[in-house]
C-alpha atoms as a PDB file:
ATOM      1  CA  MET A   1      23.211 -83.885  37.325  1.00  0.00           C
ATOM      2  CA  LEU A   2      20.938 -86.505  39.155  1.00  0.00           C
ATOM      3  CA  PRO A   3      17.582 -86.923  37.535  1.00  0.00           C
ATOM      4  CA  ALA A   4      15.782 -86.437  40.572  1.00  0.00           C
ATOM      5  CA  ILE A   5      17.820 -83.352  41.065  1.00  0.00           C
ATOM      6  CA  SER A   6      17.146 -82.387  37.019  1.00  0.00           C
ATOM      7  CA  SER A   7      13.673 -83.001  37.974  1.00  0.00           C
ATOM      8  CA  ALA A   8      13.177 -80.485  40.894  1.00  0.00           C
ATOM      9  CA  GLN A   9      15.035 -77.770  38.885  1.00  0.00           C
ATOM     10  CA  GLN A  10      12.385 -77.564  36.445  1.00  0.00           C
ATOM     11  CA  GLY A  11       9.931 -77.109  39.155  1.00  0.00           C
ATOM     12  CA  LEU A  12      11.665 -74.631  40.696  1.00  0.00           C
ATOM     13  CA  GLN A  13      11.490 -73.056  37.532  1.00  0.00           C
ATOM     14  CA  GLN A  14       7.814 -73.409  36.646  1.00  0.00           C
ATOM     15  CA  SER A  15       7.220 -72.029  39.954  1.00  0.00           C
ATOM     16  CA  GLU A  16       9.260 -68.924  39.143  1.00  0.00           C
ATOM     17  CA  VAL A  17       7.315 -68.721  36.293  1.00  0.00           C
ATOM     18  CA  GLN A  18       4.013 -68.975  37.922  1.00  0.00           C
ATOM     19  CA  VAL A  19       4.739 -66.473  40.940  1.00  0.00           C
ATOM     20  CA  ASP A  20       5.601 -63.643  38.317  1.00  0.00           C
ATOM     21  CA  ARG A  21       2.575 -64.605  36.921  1.00  0.00           C
ATOM     22  CA  ALA A  22       0.167 -64.079  39.977  1.00  0.00           C
ATOM     23  CA  VAL A  23       2.490 -60.979  41.197  1.00  0.00           C
ATOM     24  CA  ALA A  24       2.093 -59.220  37.960  1.00  0.00           C
ATOM     25  CA  GLN A  25      -1.655 -60.275  37.872  1.00  0.00           C
ATOM     26  CA  ILE A  26      -2.236 -58.991  41.559  1.00  0.00           C
ATOM     27  CA  SER A  27      -0.265 -55.759  41.425  1.00  0.00           C
ATOM     28  CA  ALA A  28      -2.553 -54.914  38.389  1.00  0.00           C
ATOM     29  CA  TRP A  29      -5.226 -54.861  40.519  1.00  0.00           C
ATOM     30  CA  PRO A  30      -6.042 -51.376  41.395  1.00  0.00           C
ATOM     31  CA  SER A  31      -5.636 -49.767  45.236  1.00  0.00           C
ATOM     32  CA  SER A  32      -8.197 -48.128  46.959  1.00  0.00           C
ATOM     33  CA  SER A  33      -6.485 -44.711  46.220  1.00  0.00           C
ATOM     34  CA  GLN A  34      -6.360 -45.144  42.729  1.00  0.00           C
ATOM     35  CA  PHE A  35     -10.499 -45.648  42.126  1.00  0.00           C
ATOM     36  CA  ALA A  36     -10.833 -43.153  45.161  1.00  0.00           C
ATOM     37  CA  ALA A  37      -8.788 -40.248  42.996  1.00  0.00           C
ATOM     38  CA  THR A  38     -12.184 -40.621  40.471  1.00  0.00           C
ATOM     39  CA  GLY A  39     -14.597 -39.982  43.204  1.00  0.00           C
ATOM     40  CA  SER A  40     -15.573 -43.817  43.220  1.00  0.00           C
ATOM     41  CA  SER A  41     -16.272 -46.037  45.748  1.00  0.00           C
ATOM     42  CA  ALA A  42     -15.904 -48.810  44.501  1.00  0.00           C
ATOM     43  CA  PRO A  43     -13.002 -50.278  42.138  1.00  0.00           C
ATOM     44  CA  PRO A  44     -13.297 -50.575  38.613  1.00  0.00           C
ATOM     45  CA  ALA A  45     -15.085 -53.686  37.309  1.00  0.00           C
ATOM     46  CA  MET A  46     -12.501 -55.800  37.825  1.00  0.00           C
ATOM     47  CA  ASP A  47     -13.553 -59.694  38.716  1.00  0.00           C
ATOM     48  CA  THR A  48     -12.605 -60.365  42.271  1.00  0.00           C
ATOM     49  CA  VAL A  49     -12.629 -63.847  41.247  1.00  0.00           C
ATOM     50  CA  ASP A  50      -9.717 -62.780  38.818  1.00  0.00           C
ATOM     51  CA  LEU A  51      -7.710 -61.977  42.240  1.00  0.00           C
ATOM     52  CA  SER A  52      -8.774 -64.967  44.122  1.00  0.00           C
ATOM     53  CA  ALA A  53      -7.505 -66.995  41.547  1.00  0.00           C
ATOM     54  CA  ALA A  54      -4.133 -65.166  41.297  1.00  0.00           C
ATOM     55  CA  ALA A  55      -3.721 -65.093  45.001  1.00  0.00           C
ATOM     56  CA  ILE A  56      -4.168 -69.272  44.919  1.00  0.00           C
ATOM     57  CA  SER A  57      -1.688 -69.422  42.198  1.00  0.00           C
ATOM     58  CA  LEU A  58       0.413 -67.652  43.963  1.00  0.00           C
ATOM     59  CA  SER A  59       0.141 -70.127  47.117  1.00  0.00           C
ATOM     60  CA  GLN A  60       0.461 -72.984  45.393  1.00  0.00           C
ATOM     61  CA  ALA A  61       3.884 -71.718  43.338  1.00  0.00           C
ATOM     62  CA  THR A  62       4.912 -71.153  46.965  1.00  0.00           C
ATOM     63  CA  ASP A  63       4.454 -75.129  47.530  1.00  0.00           C
ATOM     64  CA  ALA A  64       5.291 -76.405  44.899  1.00  0.00           C
ATOM     65  CA  HIS A  65       8.693 -74.387  45.660  1.00  0.00           C
ATOM     66  CA  ALA A  66       9.196 -75.965  48.752  1.00  0.00           C
ATOM     67  CA  ALA A  67       8.617 -78.689  47.319  1.00  0.00           C
ATOM     68  CA  ASP A  68      11.361 -79.254  45.125  1.00  0.00           C
ATOM     69  CA  THR A  69      13.124 -77.580  47.234  1.00  0.00           C
ATOM     70  CA  LYS A  70      13.280 -80.282  49.577  1.00  0.00           C
ATOM     71  CA  ALA A  71      13.480 -82.845  46.942  1.00  0.00           C
ATOM     72  CA  ILE A  72      16.950 -81.126  45.836  1.00  0.00           C
ATOM     73  CA  ALA A  73      17.474 -81.498  49.337  1.00  0.00           C
ATOM     74  CA  VAL A  74      16.652 -85.557  49.668  1.00  0.00           C
ATOM     75  CA  ALA A  75      18.545 -86.282  45.998  1.00  0.00           C
ATOM     76  CA  ASP A  76      21.649 -84.439  47.381  1.00  0.00           C
ATOM     77  CA  ASP A  77      21.490 -87.133  50.924  1.00  0.00           C
ATOM     78  CA  VAL A  78      21.136 -89.747  49.045  1.00  0.00           C
ATOM     79  CA  HIS A  79      23.861 -88.976  46.569  1.00  0.00           C
ATOM     80  CA  LYS A  80      26.405 -88.793  49.246  1.00  0.00           C
ATOM     81  CA  GLN A  81      25.006 -91.404  50.953  1.00  0.00           C
ATOM     82  CA  ALA A  82      25.627 -93.300  47.912  1.00  0.00           C
ATOM     83  CA  LEU A  83      28.946 -92.210  47.136  1.00  0.00           C
ATOM     84  CA  SER A  84      29.745 -92.677  50.987  1.00  0.00           C
ATOM     85  CA  LEU A  85      28.665 -96.930  50.138  1.00  0.00           C
ATOM     86  CA  VAL A  86      31.410 -96.809  47.173  1.00  0.00           C
ATOM     87  CA  ALA A  87      34.225 -95.233  49.034  1.00  0.00           C
END
């Protein structure tokens, strides 16, 4: 496998882990119906910064995934062009 593709593949795997963590953090945030059932008008003591950090992490992972996917496509194109020059 080409080093560029291998590196991008590792990046894709890291992005997947980052997305999984961010989704787990976001899904753990209580919904309004969950805290309304307790008679409270406010969510339980959870830091809003945690939710913001999870959302930012999700956005970063999405951007990294797109960049790694593009890197794989470019490496594949370069590889095809190199093979056509040799042939």
